Structure formats: C-alpha cells, structure tokens
Amino acid sequence: MTGLTRRYGSLRVLEDTQFTARAGELLSLVGPNGAGKTTLMRCLADGRERSRGNVPINDHDTGRLSPERCVGFGIGRKFQRANTFDPLTVDECLSIARTRWVEKDSDER
C-alpha cells in the first residue's frame, strides 16, 4: 500500500500512509481513539473510501472497487464485537481469522 490518503473536506485523517503485508503475516494496528485505525481499515477494504493511494491486494490493484470486489482478492473486515467468538480460545479465533472462504463449484455442493 502506498500513498494512502483519506480526507474529509479539509480534515486530513490519513496522509501518504504506507505499509507492506506479506502472505501469511499477521499484523496489528494499535493506536489511541481518533488515530485513524478504523479509517485505515475502511480504506483497505473499500476502494471508494480512499481520497488517494494505491492498495494492491494479492497482486490486484483494488483502485476504487467496492468492498464486494475487494473481498474477492482476499481482504476482509471483522467488526468489533467482543462476544462473537466468546467460547473459542485465542488460537482458535486467530485460525478462523486466517481462513479464506473459497466458493466451491455448484457441482461440488
């Protein structure tokens, strides 16, 4: 991801943000309230949220694509809700987070 920028009018929430995530890596985004964490995640998962910048996912340029199209390249977003995986261990939750849904052909269903 290079040059990711998100502005709301004259307010700059993200400016030329950059990072690289490699296959199999788990990254954490940590910061205080109002730091732009949610805005960054929205810009990664939804090309229409970006004011500027390039976010290639699995060698595909996501451009200004919708979240529905971005998820097809392997990016997803889970909204915060503490009890979603309450009965599972941390390891089990991380295993689920790393799983990518692959739709099977209709013949295999």
PDB file of N, CA and C in Angstrom:
ATOM      1  N   MET A   1       0.857  -1.153   0.000  1.00  0.00           N
ATOM      2  CA  MET A   1       0.000   0.000   0.000  1.00  0.00           C
ATOM      3  C   MET A   1       0.907   1.221   0.000  1.00  0.00           C
ATOM      4  N   THR A   2       0.647   2.132  -0.896  1.00  0.00           N
ATOM      5  CA  THR A   2       1.462   3.344  -0.980  1.00  0.00           C
ATOM      6  C   THR A   2       0.585   4.577  -1.111  1.00  0.00           C
ATOM      7  N   GLY A   3       0.999   5.624  -0.435  1.00  0.00           N
ATOM      8  CA  GLY A   3       0.370   6.930  -0.579  1.00  0.00           C
ATOM      9  C   GLY A   3      -1.095   7.004  -0.195  1.00  0.00           C
ATOM     10  N   LEU A   4      -1.540   6.102   0.679  1.00  0.00           N
ATOM     11  CA  LEU A   4      -2.952   6.085   1.058  1.00  0.00           C
ATOM     12  C   LEU A   4      -3.312   7.358   1.816  1.00  0.00           C
ATOM     13  N   THR A   5      -4.318   8.035   1.318  1.00  0.00           N
ATOM     14  CA  THR A   5      -4.764   9.300   1.899  1.00  0.00           C
ATOM     15  C   THR A   5      -6.279   9.285   2.014  1.00  0.00           C
ATOM     16  N   ARG A   6      -6.763   9.809   3.136  1.00  0.00           N
ATOM     17  CA  ARG A   6      -8.205   9.981   3.311  1.00  0.00           C
ATOM     18  C   ARG A   6      -8.453  11.345   3.933  1.00  0.00           C
ATOM     19  N   ARG A   7      -9.231  12.124   3.223  1.00  0.00           N
ATOM     20  CA  ARG A   7      -9.596  13.460   3.684  1.00  0.00           C
ATOM     21  C   ARG A   7     -11.105  13.556   3.773  1.00  0.00           C
ATOM     22  N   TYR A   8     -11.551  14.296   4.737  1.00  0.00           N
ATOM     23  CA  TYR A   8     -12.954  14.674   4.870  1.00  0.00           C
ATOM     24  C   TYR A   8     -12.979  16.192   4.786  1.00  0.00           C
ATOM     25  N   GLY A   9     -13.191  16.709   3.587  1.00  0.00           N
ATOM     26  CA  GLY A   9     -13.076  18.155   3.385  1.00  0.00           C
ATOM     27  C   GLY A   9     -11.639  18.586   3.618  1.00  0.00           C
ATOM     28  N   SER A  10     -11.418  19.534   4.509  1.00  0.00           N
ATOM     29  CA  SER A  10     -10.058  19.996   4.796  1.00  0.00           C
ATOM     30  C   SER A  10      -9.377  19.170   5.887  1.00  0.00           C
ATOM     31  N   LEU A  11     -10.121  18.267   6.542  1.00  0.00           N
ATOM     32  CA  LEU A  11      -9.558  17.423   7.596  1.00  0.00           C
ATOM     33  C   LEU A  11      -8.813  16.249   6.979  1.00  0.00           C
ATOM     34  N   ARG A  12      -7.520  16.126   7.275  1.00  0.00           N
ATOM     35  CA  ARG A  12      -6.705  15.008   6.800  1.00  0.00           C
ATOM     36  C   ARG A  12      -6.629  13.951   7.904  1.00  0.00           C
ATOM     37  N   VAL A  13      -7.254  12.811   7.657  1.00  0.00           N
ATOM     38  CA  VAL A  13      -7.227  11.735   8.642  1.00  0.00           C
ATOM     39  C   VAL A  13      -6.030  10.821   8.381  1.00  0.00           C
ATOM     40  N   LEU A  14      -5.788  10.494   7.131  1.00  0.00           N
ATOM     41  CA  LEU A  14      -4.619   9.711   6.715  1.00  0.00           C
ATOM     42  C   LEU A  14      -3.906  10.493   5.625  1.00  0.00           C
ATOM     43  N   GLU A  15      -2.582  10.527   5.672  1.00  0.00           N
ATOM     44  CA  GLU A  15      -1.817  11.265   4.667  1.00  0.00           C
ATOM     45  C   GLU A  15      -0.594  10.448   4.270  1.00  0.00           C
ATOM     46  N   ASP A  16      -0.556   9.997   3.024  1.00  0.00           N
ATOM     47  CA  ASP A  16       0.574   9.218   2.485  1.00  0.00           C
ATOM     48  C   ASP A  16       0.961   8.034   3.378  1.00  0.00           C
ATOM     49  N   THR A  17      -0.019   7.295   3.842  1.00  0.00           N
ATOM     50  CA  THR A  17       0.208   6.133   4.703  1.00  0.00           C
ATOM     51  C   THR A  17       0.736   4.981   3.850  1.00  0.00           C
ATOM     52  N   GLN A  18       1.731   4.252   4.390  1.00  0.00           N
ATOM     53  CA  GLN A  18       2.341   3.152   3.656  1.00  0.00           C
ATOM     54  C   GLN A  18       2.640   1.988   4.582  1.00  0.00           C
ATOM     55  N   PHE A  19       2.454   0.774   4.106  1.00  0.00           N
ATOM     56  CA  PHE A  19       2.975  -0.425   4.757  1.00  0.00           C
ATOM     57  C   PHE A  19       2.842  -1.589   3.787  1.00  0.00           C
ATOM     58  N   THR A  20       3.555  -2.645   4.080  1.00  0.00           N
ATOM     59  CA  THR A  20       3.512  -3.854   3.266  1.00  0.00           C
ATOM     60  C   THR A  20       3.179  -5.026   4.168  1.00  0.00           C
ATOM     61  N   ALA A  21       2.233  -5.832   3.765  1.00  0.00           N
ATOM     62  CA  ALA A  21       1.897  -7.072   4.463  1.00  0.00           C
ATOM     63  C   ALA A  21       2.165  -8.212   3.497  1.00  0.00           C
ATOM     64  N   ARG A  22       2.933  -9.166   3.940  1.00  0.00           N
ATOM     65  CA  ARG A  22       3.283 -10.298   3.085  1.00  0.00           C
ATOM     66  C   ARG A  22       2.372 -11.490   3.379  1.00  0.00           C
ATOM     67  N   ALA A  23       2.294 -12.404   2.448  1.00  0.00           N
ATOM     68  CA  ALA A  23       1.456 -13.598   2.597  1.00  0.00           C
ATOM     69  C   ALA A  23       1.791 -14.319   3.898  1.00  0.00           C
ATOM     70  N   GLY A  24       0.760 -14.654   4.643  1.00  0.00           N
ATOM     71  CA  GLY A  24       0.945 -15.392   5.886  1.00  0.00           C
ATOM     72  C   GLY A  24       1.243 -14.535   7.102  1.00  0.00           C
ATOM     73  N   GLU A  25       1.466 -13.254   6.915  1.00  0.00           N
ATOM     74  CA  GLU A  25       1.766 -12.356   8.035  1.00  0.00           C
ATOM     75  C   GLU A  25       0.486 -11.945   8.748  1.00  0.00           C
ATOM     76  N   LEU A  26       0.581 -11.822  10.044  1.00  0.00           N
ATOM     77  CA  LEU A  26      -0.492 -11.235  10.842  1.00  0.00           C
ATOM     78  C   LEU A  26       0.033  -9.906  11.371  1.00  0.00           C
ATOM     79  N   LEU A  27      -0.671  -8.850  11.081  1.00  0.00           N
ATOM     80  CA  LEU A  27      -0.264  -7.526  11.539  1.00  0.00           C
ATOM     81  C   LEU A  27      -1.302  -6.969  12.483  1.00  0.00           C
ATOM     82  N   SER A  28      -0.859  -6.154  13.411  1.00  0.00           N
ATOM     83  CA  SER A  28      -1.770  -5.488  14.340  1.00  0.00           C
ATOM     84  C   SER A  28      -1.722  -3.996  14.092  1.00  0.00           C
ATOM     85  N   LEU A  29      -2.852  -3.370  14.258  1.00  0.00           N
ATOM     86  CA  LEU A  29      -2.963  -1.928  14.130  1.00  0.00           C
ATOM     87  C   LEU A  29      -3.373  -1.407  15.502  1.00  0.00           C
ATOM     88  N   VAL A  30      -2.476  -0.677  16.135  1.00  0.00           N
ATOM     89  CA  VAL A  30      -2.681  -0.231  17.502  1.00  0.00           C
ATOM     90  C   VAL A  30      -2.547   1.277  17.566  1.00  0.00           C
ATOM     91  N   GLY A  31      -3.423   1.913  18.318  1.00  0.00           N
ATOM     92  CA  GLY A  31      -3.329   3.358  18.499  1.00  0.00           C
ATOM     93  C   GLY A  31      -4.486   3.853  19.333  1.00  0.00           C
ATOM     94  N   PRO A  32      -4.398   5.080  19.790  1.00  0.00           N
ATOM     95  CA  PRO A  32      -5.462   5.640  20.627  1.00  0.00           C
ATOM     96  C   PRO A  32      -6.716   5.943  19.816  1.00  0.00           C
ATOM     97  N   ASN A  33      -7.808   6.165  20.515  1.00  0.00           N
ATOM     98  CA  ASN A  33      -9.044   6.580  19.852  1.00  0.00           C
ATOM     99  C   ASN A  33      -8.773   7.824  19.019  1.00  0.00           C
ATOM    100  N   GLY A  34      -9.323   7.839  17.810  1.00  0.00           N
ATOM    101  CA  GLY A  34      -9.166   9.001  16.946  1.00  0.00           C
ATOM    102  C   GLY A  34      -7.894   9.013  16.124  1.00  0.00           C
ATOM    103  N   ALA A  35      -7.099   7.942  16.196  1.00  0.00           N
ATOM    104  CA  ALA A  35      -5.827   7.903  15.471  1.00  0.00           C
ATOM    105  C   ALA A  35      -5.992   7.568  13.994  1.00  0.00           C
ATOM    106  N   GLY A  36      -7.158   7.058  13.594  1.00  0.00           N
ATOM    107  CA  GLY A  36      -7.392   6.726  12.192  1.00  0.00           C
ATOM    108  C   GLY A  36      -7.381   5.241  11.883  1.00  0.00           C
ATOM    109  N   LYS A  37      -7.397   4.391  12.908  1.00  0.00           N
ATOM    110  CA  LYS A  37      -7.351   2.936  12.688  1.00  0.00           C
ATOM    111  C   LYS A  37      -8.554   2.450  11.870  1.00  0.00           C
ATOM    112  N   THR A  38      -9.738   2.844  12.259  1.00  0.00           N
ATOM    113  CA  THR A  38     -10.942   2.424  11.547  1.00  0.00           C
ATOM    114  C   THR A  38     -10.967   2.996  10.137  1.00  0.00           C
ATOM    115  N   THR A  39     -10.547   4.233   9.997  1.00  0.00           N
ATOM    116  CA  THR A  39     -10.493   4.849   8.669  1.00  0.00           C
ATOM    117  C   THR A  39      -9.533   4.081   7.774  1.00  0.00           C
ATOM    118  N   LEU A  40      -8.381   3.687   8.299  1.00  0.00           N
ATOM    119  CA  LEU A  40      -7.423   2.906   7.514  1.00  0.00           C
ATOM    120  C   LEU A  40      -8.042   1.584   7.077  1.00  0.00           C
ATOM    121  N   MET A  41      -8.698   0.890   7.983  1.00  0.00           N
ATOM    122  CA  MET A  41      -9.310  -0.391   7.625  1.00  0.00           C
ATOM    123  C   MET A  41     -10.408  -0.200   6.579  1.00  0.00           C
ATOM    124  N   ARG A  42     -11.174   0.852   6.703  1.00  0.00           N
ATOM    125  CA  ARG A  42     -12.208   1.125   5.701  1.00  0.00           C
ATOM    126  C   ARG A  42     -11.581   1.395   4.340  1.00  0.00           C
ATOM    127  N   CYS A  43     -10.463   2.104   4.317  1.00  0.00           N
ATOM    128  CA  CYS A  43      -9.786   2.402   3.047  1.00  0.00           C
ATOM    129  C   CYS A  43      -9.176   1.155   2.418  1.00  0.00           C
ATOM    130  N   LEU A  44      -8.735   0.218   3.233  1.00  0.00           N
ATOM    131  CA  LEU A  44      -8.184  -1.028   2.702  1.00  0.00           C
ATOM    132  C   LEU A  44      -9.281  -1.912   2.117  1.00  0.00           C
ATOM    133  N   ALA A  45     -10.403  -1.996   2.814  1.00  0.00           N
ATOM    134  CA  ALA A  45     -11.469  -2.914   2.422  1.00  0.00           C
ATOM    135  C   ALA A  45     -12.456  -2.330   1.417  1.00  0.00           C
ATOM    136  N   ASP A  46     -12.387  -1.029   1.173  1.00  0.00           N
ATOM    137  CA  ASP A  46     -13.346  -0.375   0.277  1.00  0.00           C
ATOM    138  C   ASP A  46     -12.614   0.702  -0.515  1.00  0.00           C
ATOM    139  N   GLY A  47     -12.368   0.441  -1.788  1.00  0.00           N
ATOM    140  CA  GLY A  47     -11.636   1.385  -2.629  1.00  0.00           C
ATOM    141  C   GLY A  47     -12.309   2.736  -2.763  1.00  0.00           C
ATOM    142  N   ARG A  48     -13.608   2.775  -2.566  1.00  0.00           N
ATOM    143  CA  ARG A  48     -14.330   4.039  -2.693  1.00  0.00           C
ATOM    144  C   ARG A  48     -14.088   4.975  -1.509  1.00  0.00           C
ATOM    145  N   GLU A  49     -13.529   4.451  -0.421  1.00  0.00           N
ATOM    146  CA  GLU A  49     -13.264   5.261   0.776  1.00  0.00           C
ATOM    147  C   GLU A  49     -12.004   6.117   0.644  1.00  0.00           C
ATOM    148  N   ARG A  50     -11.117   5.755  -0.267  1.00  0.00           N
ATOM    149  CA  ARG A  50      -9.830   6.447  -0.375  1.00  0.00           C
ATOM    150  C   ARG A  50      -9.953   7.767  -1.103  1.00  0.00           C
ATOM    151  N   SER A  51      -9.233   8.760  -0.615  1.00  0.00           N
ATOM    152  CA  SER A  51      -9.113  10.014  -1.361  1.00  0.00           C
ATOM    153  C   SER A  51      -8.004   9.877  -2.395  1.00  0.00           C
ATOM    154  N   ARG A  52      -6.977   9.088  -2.038  1.00  0.00           N
ATOM    155  CA  ARG A  52      -5.838   8.881  -2.925  1.00  0.00           C
ATOM    156  C   ARG A  52      -5.064   7.668  -2.433  1.00  0.00           C
ATOM    157  N   GLY A  53      -4.280   7.064  -3.302  1.00  0.00           N
ATOM    158  CA  GLY A  53      -3.398   5.979  -2.896  1.00  0.00           C
ATOM    159  C   GLY A  53      -3.649   4.705  -3.671  1.00  0.00           C
ATOM    160  N   ASN A  54      -2.699   3.803  -3.559  1.00  0.00           N
ATOM    161  CA  ASN A  54      -2.712   2.534  -4.262  1.00  0.00           C
ATOM    162  C   ASN A  54      -2.697   1.408  -3.236  1.00  0.00           C
ATOM    163  N   VAL A  55      -3.661   0.498  -3.328  1.00  0.00           N
ATOM    164  CA  VAL A  55      -3.733  -0.642  -2.405  1.00  0.00           C
ATOM    165  C   VAL A  55      -3.825  -1.920  -3.223  1.00  0.00           C
ATOM    166  N   PRO A  56      -2.667  -2.503  -3.580  1.00  0.00           N
ATOM    167  CA  PRO A  56      -2.712  -3.781  -4.284  1.00  0.00           C
ATOM    168  C   PRO A  56      -2.925  -4.916  -3.278  1.00  0.00           C
ATOM    169  N   ILE A  57      -3.797  -5.845  -3.623  1.00  0.00           N
ATOM    170  CA  ILE A  57      -4.071  -6.999  -2.766  1.00  0.00           C
ATOM    171  C   ILE A  57      -3.870  -8.245  -3.605  1.00  0.00           C
ATOM    172  N   ASN A  58      -2.939  -9.084  -3.172  1.00  0.00           N
ATOM    173  CA  ASN A  58      -2.611 -10.307  -3.917  1.00  0.00           C
ATOM    174  C   ASN A  58      -2.363  -9.998  -5.390  1.00  0.00           C
ATOM    175  N   ASP A  59      -1.553  -8.994  -5.635  1.00  0.00           N
ATOM    176  CA  ASP A  59      -1.151  -8.570  -6.981  1.00  0.00           C
ATOM    177  C   ASP A  59      -2.292  -8.013  -7.832  1.00  0.00           C
ATOM    178  N   HIS A  60      -3.385  -7.600  -7.220  1.00  0.00           N
ATOM    179  CA  HIS A  60      -4.503  -6.968  -7.924  1.00  0.00           C
ATOM    180  C   HIS A  60      -4.636  -5.537  -7.430  1.00  0.00           C
ATOM    181  N   ASP A  61      -4.723  -4.606  -8.352  1.00  0.00           N
ATOM    182  CA  ASP A  61      -4.959  -3.218  -7.976  1.00  0.00           C
ATOM    183  C   ASP A  61      -6.429  -3.067  -7.629  1.00  0.00           C
ATOM    184  N   THR A  62      -6.725  -2.650  -6.410  1.00  0.00           N
ATOM    185  CA  THR A  62      -8.120  -2.529  -5.985  1.00  0.00           C
ATOM    186  C   THR A  62      -8.740  -1.207  -6.406  1.00  0.00           C
ATOM    187  N   GLY A  63      -7.919  -0.268  -6.860  1.00  0.00           N
ATOM    188  CA  GLY A  63      -8.435   1.001  -7.379  1.00  0.00           C
ATOM    189  C   GLY A  63      -9.540   1.584  -6.533  1.00  0.00           C
ATOM    190  N   ARG A  64     -10.683   1.837  -7.148  1.00  0.00           N
ATOM    191  CA  ARG A  64     -11.845   2.394  -6.451  1.00  0.00           C
ATOM    192  C   ARG A  64     -12.956   1.340  -6.343  1.00  0.00           C
ATOM    193  N   LEU A  65     -12.546   0.066  -6.204  1.00  0.00           N
ATOM    194  CA  LEU A  65     -13.512  -1.028  -6.171  1.00  0.00           C
ATOM    195  C   LEU A  65     -14.316  -1.061  -4.875  1.00  0.00           C
ATOM    196  N   SER A  66     -15.506  -1.612  -4.965  1.00  0.00           N
ATOM    197  CA  SER A  66     -16.396  -1.762  -3.813  1.00  0.00           C
ATOM    198  C   SER A  66     -15.862  -2.845  -2.869  1.00  0.00           C
ATOM    199  N   PRO A  67     -16.367  -2.884  -1.618  1.00  0.00           N
ATOM    200  CA  PRO A  67     -15.947  -3.934  -0.689  1.00  0.00           C
ATOM    201  C   PRO A  67     -16.243  -5.335  -1.223  1.00  0.00           C
ATOM    202  N   GLU A  68     -17.334  -5.470  -1.953  1.00  0.00           N
ATOM    203  CA  GLU A  68     -17.694  -6.774  -2.508  1.00  0.00           C
ATOM    204  C   GLU A  68     -16.633  -7.281  -3.476  1.00  0.00           C
ATOM    205  N   ARG A  69     -16.044  -6.366  -4.223  1.00  0.00           N
ATOM    206  CA  ARG A  69     -14.979  -6.747  -5.165  1.00  0.00           C
ATOM    207  C   ARG A  69     -13.654  -6.952  -4.434  1.00  0.00           C
ATOM    208  N   CYS A  70     -13.350  -6.119  -3.427  1.00  0.00           N
ATOM    209  CA  CYS A  70     -12.094  -6.243  -2.685  1.00  0.00           C
ATOM    210  C   CYS A  70     -12.003  -7.575  -1.949  1.00  0.00           C
ATOM    211  N   VAL A  71     -13.119  -8.057  -1.407  1.00  0.00           N
ATOM    212  CA  VAL A  71     -13.103  -9.317  -0.675  1.00  0.00           C
ATOM    213  C   VAL A  71     -12.727 -10.476  -1.602  1.00  0.00           C
ATOM    214  N   GLY A  72     -13.028 -10.357  -2.874  1.00  0.00           N
ATOM    215  CA  GLY A  72     -12.648 -11.382  -3.844  1.00  0.00           C
ATOM    216  C   GLY A  72     -11.147 -11.519  -4.012  1.00  0.00           C
ATOM    217  N   PHE A  73     -10.398 -10.498  -3.620  1.00  0.00           N
ATOM    218  CA  PHE A  73      -8.932 -10.545  -3.688  1.00  0.00           C
ATOM    219  C   PHE A  73      -8.316 -11.032  -2.380  1.00  0.00           C
ATOM    220  N   GLY A  74      -9.152 -11.321  -1.385  1.00  0.00           N
ATOM    221  CA  GLY A  74      -8.643 -11.900  -0.144  1.00  0.00           C
ATOM    222  C   GLY A  74      -8.611 -10.963   1.049  1.00  0.00           C
ATOM    223  N   ILE A  75      -9.266  -9.828   0.982  1.00  0.00           N
ATOM    224  CA  ILE A  75      -9.292  -8.944   2.145  1.00  0.00           C
ATOM    225  C   ILE A  75     -10.675  -8.980   2.765  1.00  0.00           C
ATOM    226  N   GLY A  76     -10.714  -8.965   4.059  1.00  0.00           N
ATOM    227  CA  GLY A  76     -11.985  -8.960   4.770  1.00  0.00           C
ATOM    228  C   GLY A  76     -11.880  -8.068   5.986  1.00  0.00           C
ATOM    229  N   ARG A  77     -13.007  -7.841   6.584  1.00  0.00           N
ATOM    230  CA  ARG A  77     -13.048  -6.968   7.745  1.00  0.00           C
ATOM    231  C   ARG A  77     -14.027  -7.561   8.741  1.00  0.00           C
ATOM    232  N   LYS A  78     -13.632  -7.599   9.999  1.00  0.00           N
ATOM    233  CA  LYS A  78     -14.499  -8.084  11.058  1.00  0.00           C
ATOM    234  C   LYS A  78     -14.763  -6.923  11.989  1.00  0.00           C
ATOM    235  N   PHE A  79     -16.019  -6.642  12.209  1.00  0.00           N
ATOM    236  CA  PHE A  79     -16.374  -5.545  13.090  1.00  0.00           C
ATOM    237  C   PHE A  79     -16.217  -5.970  14.541  1.00  0.00           C
ATOM    238  N   GLN A  80     -15.821  -5.029  15.377  1.00  0.00           N
ATOM    239  CA  GLN A  80     -15.548  -5.329  16.774  1.00  0.00           C
ATOM    240  C   GLN A  80     -16.820  -5.712  17.513  1.00  0.00           C
ATOM    241  N   ARG A  81     -16.780  -6.881  18.062  1.00  0.00           N
ATOM    242  CA  ARG A  81     -17.856  -7.351  18.925  1.00  0.00           C
ATOM    243  C   ARG A  81     -17.254  -8.437  19.792  1.00  0.00           C
ATOM    244  N   ALA A  82     -17.008  -8.120  21.019  1.00  0.00           N
ATOM    245  CA  ALA A  82     -16.214  -8.969  21.908  1.00  0.00           C
ATOM    246  C   ALA A  82     -16.755 -10.388  22.064  1.00  0.00           C
ATOM    247  N   ASN A  83     -18.047 -10.598  21.998  1.00  0.00           N
ATOM    248  CA  ASN A  83     -18.593 -11.923  22.277  1.00  0.00           C
ATOM    249  C   ASN A  83     -18.814 -12.783  21.034  1.00  0.00           C
ATOM    250  N   THR A  84     -18.372 -12.341  19.870  1.00  0.00           N
ATOM    251  CA  THR A  84     -18.596 -13.106  18.644  1.00  0.00           C
ATOM    252  C   THR A  84     -18.007 -14.508  18.740  1.00  0.00           C
ATOM    253  N   PHE A  85     -16.777 -14.625  19.228  1.00  0.00           N
ATOM    254  CA  PHE A  85     -16.110 -15.926  19.354  1.00  0.00           C
ATOM    255  C   PHE A  85     -15.834 -16.240  20.821  1.00  0.00           C
ATOM    256  N   ASP A  86     -16.730 -15.838  21.686  1.00  0.00           N
ATOM    257  CA  ASP A  86     -16.541 -15.964  23.127  1.00  0.00           C
ATOM    258  C   ASP A  86     -16.143 -17.366  23.591  1.00  0.00           C
ATOM    259  N   PRO A  87     -16.776 -18.435  23.080  1.00  0.00           N
ATOM    260  CA  PRO A  87     -16.429 -19.763  23.595  1.00  0.00           C
ATOM    261  C   PRO A  87     -15.105 -20.320  23.053  1.00  0.00           C
ATOM    262  N   LEU A  88     -14.483 -19.641  22.089  1.00  0.00           N
ATOM    263  CA  LEU A  88     -13.260 -20.152  21.475  1.00  0.00           C
ATOM    264  C   LEU A  88     -12.014 -19.613  22.170  1.00  0.00           C
ATOM    265  N   THR A  89     -10.919 -20.353  22.028  1.00  0.00           N
ATOM    266  CA  THR A  89      -9.634 -19.886  22.546  1.00  0.00           C
ATOM    267  C   THR A  89      -9.074 -18.817  21.605  1.00  0.00           C
ATOM    268  N   VAL A  90      -8.069 -18.091  22.052  1.00  0.00           N
ATOM    269  CA  VAL A  90      -7.418 -17.092  21.210  1.00  0.00           C
ATOM    270  C   VAL A  90      -6.857 -17.756  19.961  1.00  0.00           C
ATOM    271  N   ASP A  91      -6.229 -18.916  20.115  1.00  0.00           N
ATOM    272  CA  ASP A  91      -5.668 -19.641  18.964  1.00  0.00           C
ATOM    273  C   ASP A  91      -6.755 -20.013  17.960  1.00  0.00           C
ATOM    274  N   GLU A  92      -7.903 -20.468  18.437  1.00  0.00           N
ATOM    275  CA  GLU A  92      -8.999 -20.823  17.536  1.00  0.00           C
ATOM    276  C   GLU A  92      -9.541 -19.589  16.801  1.00  0.00           C
ATOM    277  N   CYS A  93      -9.637 -18.471  17.509  1.00  0.00           N
ATOM    278  CA  CYS A  93     -10.097 -17.230  16.871  1.00  0.00           C
ATOM    279  C   CYS A  93      -9.123 -16.783  15.783  1.00  0.00           C
ATOM    280  N   LEU A  94      -7.819 -16.879  16.049  1.00  0.00           N
ATOM    281  CA  LEU A  94      -6.825 -16.493  15.046  1.00  0.00           C
ATOM    282  C   LEU A  94      -6.863 -17.438  13.850  1.00  0.00           C
ATOM    283  N   SER A  95      -7.103 -18.710  14.092  1.00  0.00           N
ATOM    284  CA  SER A  95      -7.223 -19.666  12.978  1.00  0.00           C
ATOM    285  C   SER A  95      -8.400 -19.300  12.084  1.00  0.00           C
ATOM    286  N   ILE A  96      -9.509 -18.933  12.677  1.00  0.00           N
ATOM    287  CA  ILE A  96     -10.677 -18.518  11.900  1.00  0.00           C
ATOM    288  C   ILE A  96     -10.369 -17.247  11.122  1.00  0.00           C
ATOM    289  N   ALA A  97      -9.683 -16.304  11.761  1.00  0.00           N
ATOM    290  CA  ALA A  97      -9.356 -15.030  11.107  1.00  0.00           C
ATOM    291  C   ALA A  97      -8.468 -15.235   9.887  1.00  0.00           C
ATOM    292  N   ARG A  98      -7.637 -16.263   9.911  1.00  0.00           N
ATOM    293  CA  ARG A  98      -6.720 -16.509   8.797  1.00  0.00           C
ATOM    294  C   ARG A  98      -7.349 -17.339   7.693  1.00  0.00           C
ATOM    295  N   THR A  99      -8.536 -17.855   7.903  1.00  0.00           N
ATOM    296  CA  THR A  99      -9.209 -18.704   6.917  1.00  0.00           C
ATOM    297  C   THR A  99      -9.825 -17.849   5.829  1.00  0.00           C
ATOM    298  N   ARG A 100      -9.626 -18.245   4.607  1.00  0.00           N
ATOM    299  CA  ARG A 100     -10.221 -17.545   3.466  1.00  0.00           C
ATOM    300  C   ARG A 100     -11.300 -18.422   2.873  1.00  0.00           C
ATOM    301  N   TRP A 101     -12.480 -17.856   2.706  1.00  0.00           N
ATOM    302  CA  TRP A 101     -13.600 -18.582   2.126  1.00  0.00           C
ATOM    303  C   TRP A 101     -13.362 -18.760   0.638  1.00  0.00           C
ATOM    304  N   VAL A 102     -13.433 -19.985   0.163  1.00  0.00           N
ATOM    305  CA  VAL A 102     -13.317 -20.279  -1.259  1.00  0.00           C
ATOM    306  C   VAL A 102     -14.602 -20.968  -1.673  1.00  0.00           C
ATOM    307  N   GLU A 103     -15.336 -20.329  -2.563  1.00  0.00           N
ATOM    308  CA  GLU A 103     -16.606 -20.893  -3.001  1.00  0.00           C
ATOM    309  C   GLU A 103     -16.338 -22.069  -3.921  1.00  0.00           C
ATOM    310  N   LYS A 104     -17.024 -23.167  -3.660  1.00  0.00           N
ATOM    311  CA  LYS A 104     -16.879 -24.362  -4.486  1.00  0.00           C
ATOM    312  C   LYS A 104     -17.792 -24.257  -5.694  1.00  0.00           C
ATOM    313  N   ASP A 105     -17.412 -24.984  -6.749  1.00  0.00           N
ATOM    314  CA  ASP A 105     -18.269 -25.056  -7.932  1.00  0.00           C
ATOM    315  C   ASP A 105     -19.619 -25.630  -7.534  1.00  0.00           C
ATOM    316  N   SER A 106     -20.649 -25.235  -8.243  1.00  0.00           N
ATOM    317  CA  SER A 106     -22.004 -25.713  -7.928  1.00  0.00           C
ATOM    318  C   SER A 106     -22.114 -27.217  -8.028  1.00  0.00           C
ATOM    319  N   ASP A 107     -21.246 -27.882  -8.830  1.00  0.00           N
ATOM    320  CA  ASP A 107     -21.269 -29.335  -8.966  1.00  0.00           C
ATOM    321  C   ASP A 107     -20.850 -30.035  -7.672  1.00  0.00           C
ATOM    322  N   GLU A 108     -20.029 -29.354  -6.871  1.00  0.00           N
ATOM    323  CA  GLU A 108     -19.479 -29.969  -5.670  1.00  0.00           C
ATOM    324  C   GLU A 108     -20.363 -29.778  -4.451  1.00  0.00           C
ATOM    325  N   ARG A 109     -21.432 -29.021  -4.567  1.00  0.00           N
ATOM    326  CA  ARG A 109     -22.296 -28.757  -3.400  1.00  0.00           C
ATOM    327  C   ARG A 109     -23.262 -29.871  -3.170  1.00  0.00           C
TER     328      ARG A 109
END
